[in-house]
Protein backbone atom coordinates (compact mmCIF):
# COMPACT_ATOMS: atom_id res chain seq x y z
CA MET A 1 111.46 107.59 125.64
CA ASP A 2 109.92 103.81 124.78
CA GLN A 3 108.18 104.20 121.19
CA PHE A 4 104.66 101.98 121.38
CA ALA A 5 102.42 101.65 118.59
CA GLU A 6 99.20 98.84 118.23
CA GLN A 7 96.26 98.04 116.01
CA LEU A 8 93.61 95.90 116.01
CA VAL A 9 92.59 93.74 112.82
CA LYS A 10 89.54 92.05 112.05
CA LYS A 11 90.44 88.99 109.62
CA ASN A 12 87.99 88.71 106.57
CA ASN A 13 85.85 86.06 106.54
CA THR A 14 86.35 84.30 103.47
CA SER A 15 84.16 81.63 101.63
CA GLN A 16 85.92 78.72 103.41
CA ASP A 17 85.37 79.98 106.59
CA ASP A 18 81.35 80.71 105.55
CA LEU A 19 81.52 77.26 104.84
CA LYS A 20 82.37 76.05 107.74
CA LYS A 21 79.97 78.33 110.00
CA GLY A 22 77.01 76.79 107.40
CA LEU A 23 78.21 73.17 108.16
CA LEU A 24 78.63 73.80 111.90
CA ILE A 25 74.83 75.16 112.16
CA ALA A 26 73.32 72.66 110.37
CA GLY A 27 75.55 69.96 112.04
CA ALA A 28 74.25 71.18 115.08
CA VAL A 29 70.67 71.57 114.04
CA LEU A 30 70.71 67.50 113.29
CA LEU A 31 72.40 66.60 116.22
CA THR A 32 69.66 68.69 118.67
CA LEU A 33 67.05 66.91 115.91
CA PHE A 34 68.33 63.43 116.87
CA SER A 35 69.28 63.77 120.51
CA LEU A 36 65.20 65.47 121.10
CA TYR A 37 64.20 61.99 119.21
CA LEU A 38 66.70 60.55 121.70
CA THR A 39 64.75 62.39 124.31
CA PHE A 40 61.23 61.54 123.68
CA PHE A 41 61.09 58.01 122.52
CA VAL A 42 64.83 56.57 124.31
CA ALA A 43 65.63 57.89 127.36
CA PRO A 44 64.09 61.49 129.13
CA ILE A 45 67.66 61.65 131.16
CA ALA A 46 69.08 62.79 127.25
CA VAL A 47 67.15 66.62 127.68
CA VAL A 48 70.59 67.29 128.78
CA LEU A 49 72.10 66.64 125.18
CA PRO A 50 69.88 69.13 123.16
CA VAL A 51 71.52 71.57 125.48
CA GLY A 52 75.33 70.58 125.77
CA ILE A 53 75.18 70.56 121.74
CA VAL A 54 73.59 74.10 121.37
CA TYR A 55 76.16 75.57 124.09
CA LEU A 56 78.81 73.95 121.85
CA ALA A 57 77.86 75.05 118.61
CA ILE A 58 77.49 78.59 119.83
CA TYR A 59 80.71 78.40 121.18
CA LEU A 60 82.33 76.88 117.97
CA LEU A 61 80.54 79.90 116.26
CA LYS A 62 82.08 82.92 119.01
CA ILE A 63 85.54 81.43 118.51
CA GLN A 64 85.55 81.51 114.68
CA ASN A 65 85.28 85.62 114.82
CA VAL A 66 89.47 85.97 114.38
CA GLU A 67 91.43 89.30 115.46
CA TYR A 68 94.80 90.23 115.26
CA GLU A 69 97.05 92.53 117.77
CA TYR A 70 100.10 94.34 116.45
CA SER A 71 101.92 95.65 118.56
CA CYS A 72 105.23 97.28 117.85
CA THR A 73 107.28 97.84 121.13
CA ASN A 74 111.21 100.04 120.69
CA GLY A 75 111.86 97.77 117.66
CA THR A 76 110.12 94.30 118.93
CA PHE A 77 107.29 93.23 116.61
CA ASP A 78 104.09 91.08 117.86
CA ILE A 79 101.07 89.19 117.05
CA ASP A 80 98.66 87.63 118.83
CA LYS A 81 95.48 86.25 117.49
CA ILE A 82 92.35 86.77 119.75
CA LEU A 83 89.58 84.42 118.96
CA GLY A 84 85.96 85.22 119.93
CA GLN A 85 87.44 88.33 122.12
CA THR A 86 88.20 85.92 125.15
CA LYS A 87 91.47 83.61 124.13
CA ARG A 88 94.58 85.64 123.12
CA VAL A 89 96.82 83.28 122.09
CA ASN A 90 100.49 84.85 121.03
CA MET A 91 100.67 83.74 117.30
CA LEU A 92 104.53 86.05 116.73
CA SER A 93 107.30 87.80 117.86
CA ILE A 94 109.77 89.02 116.48
CA ASP A 95 112.96 91.85 116.28
CA VAL A 96 112.27 93.84 113.59
CA SER A 97 115.86 94.20 112.86
CA ALA A 98 115.78 90.85 111.89
CA PHE A 99 113.62 91.64 109.09
CA THR A 100 115.72 90.32 105.86
CA MET A 101 112.96 91.82 103.15
CA TYR A 102 110.17 94.28 103.97
CA GLY A 103 107.46 95.84 101.72
CA LYS A 104 104.13 96.03 100.27
CA ALA A 105 103.23 92.36 99.06
CA ASP A 106 102.01 93.10 96.01
CA ALA A 107 105.69 93.72 95.30
CA CYS A 108 106.50 90.98 97.11
CA THR A 109 108.63 88.06 94.88
CA ALA A 110 107.92 84.71 95.30
CA SER A 111 109.31 83.00 98.31
CA GLN A 112 110.87 79.99 98.91
CA ASP A 113 108.65 76.62 99.68
CA ASP A 114 110.44 75.70 103.14
CA MET A 115 109.39 78.95 104.81
CA THR A 116 106.93 78.86 107.66
CA THR A 117 104.29 81.47 106.65
CA PHE A 118 102.41 83.71 108.83
CA SER A 119 99.28 85.32 107.98
CA ALA A 120 97.96 88.01 109.80
CA VAL A 121 95.58 90.31 107.36
CA GLY A 122 92.18 92.10 107.79
CA VAL A 123 90.75 94.87 108.36
CA SER A 124 91.67 97.78 110.93
CA MET A 125 88.89 98.08 113.69
CA MET A 126 90.37 102.21 114.14
CA GLY A 127 88.50 102.95 110.71
CA ASP A 128 91.52 103.85 108.76
CA GLU A 129 91.09 101.06 105.99
CA GLU A 130 91.93 103.43 103.09
CA ASP A 131 95.39 103.46 104.60
CA ALA A 132 96.27 99.76 105.43
CA GLU A 133 97.59 98.24 102.83
CA GLU A 134 98.74 94.55 102.68
CA TYR A 135 102.67 94.55 103.60
CA TYR A 136 104.78 91.42 103.76
CA ALA A 137 108.23 90.72 106.06
CA GLU A 138 111.01 88.08 105.54
CA PHE A 139 112.88 87.25 108.39
CA ASP A 140 115.28 84.08 109.93
CA HIS A 141 113.07 83.19 113.25
CA PRO A 142 114.68 81.52 116.22
CA GLU A 143 112.32 78.89 116.25
CA HIS A 144 110.30 78.42 113.34
CA GLY A 145 113.31 78.97 110.57
CA LYS A 146 113.16 81.10 107.42
CA CYS A 147 109.63 82.89 107.62
CA CYS A 148 107.57 85.02 105.88
CA LEU A 149 104.48 87.58 107.30
CA TYR A 150 101.94 88.61 105.16
CA PHE A 151 100.05 91.82 107.64
CA THR A 152 98.51 95.19 107.03
CA PRO A 153 99.28 97.46 109.07
CA ASP A 154 98.48 101.24 109.11
CA GLY A 155 100.42 104.06 108.70
CA ARG A 156 101.15 104.38 112.29
CA MET A 157 102.11 100.84 112.86
CA ARG A 158 104.54 101.36 109.86
CA GLY A 159 105.68 104.44 111.54
CA ALA A 160 106.69 102.43 114.72
CA ILE A 161 108.02 99.17 112.44
CA GLU A 162 110.37 101.10 110.00
CA PRO A 163 112.57 103.37 112.06
CA PHE A 164 113.96 99.58 113.74
CA LEU A 165 114.72 97.96 110.11
CA PRO A 166 117.99 97.42 109.23
CA ARG A 167 119.50 100.30 106.97
CA THR A 168 119.67 98.13 104.00
CA LEU A 169 115.82 97.71 104.06
CA ARG A 170 115.41 101.60 104.83
CA LYS A 171 117.15 102.94 102.09
CA LYS A 172 114.83 100.75 100.05
CA ILE A 173 111.48 102.10 101.40
CA SER A 174 112.43 106.38 101.32
């Protein structure tokens, strides 16, 4: 029987994300005011420009909302990045048996500087926030080389990942 688990996680907004949104809104307002000036005093055809600017600003604000979907099927761990609840991008796909290190992120030792780092950390959409802690995994990926992944699996997702870990890592967890 196939083992399958999935989890939806919403990315925590940082102050940098809030700054980007604020600058985007301010820029859209300034460009809209400038284009309205052009509409009234220079070219009446420029009325399309403010509508386009507002539409573009709304679209860019919408895709700033990022969610991650973790799925684990028979030892294959996939992470998809969902932008604005419409655009889905496959971020990472790895066999759990390729993990060389796995554990809670606070127990993580310093990784090598030349590693590719993936961050898919957030708050669980299922309401299991007290169960979800930040974890890390290190592995060799065929496309990206040595990698480190930071993510927040809940208990059900950890239960789907941990049986497929290499034996040496399973002994460290239990």
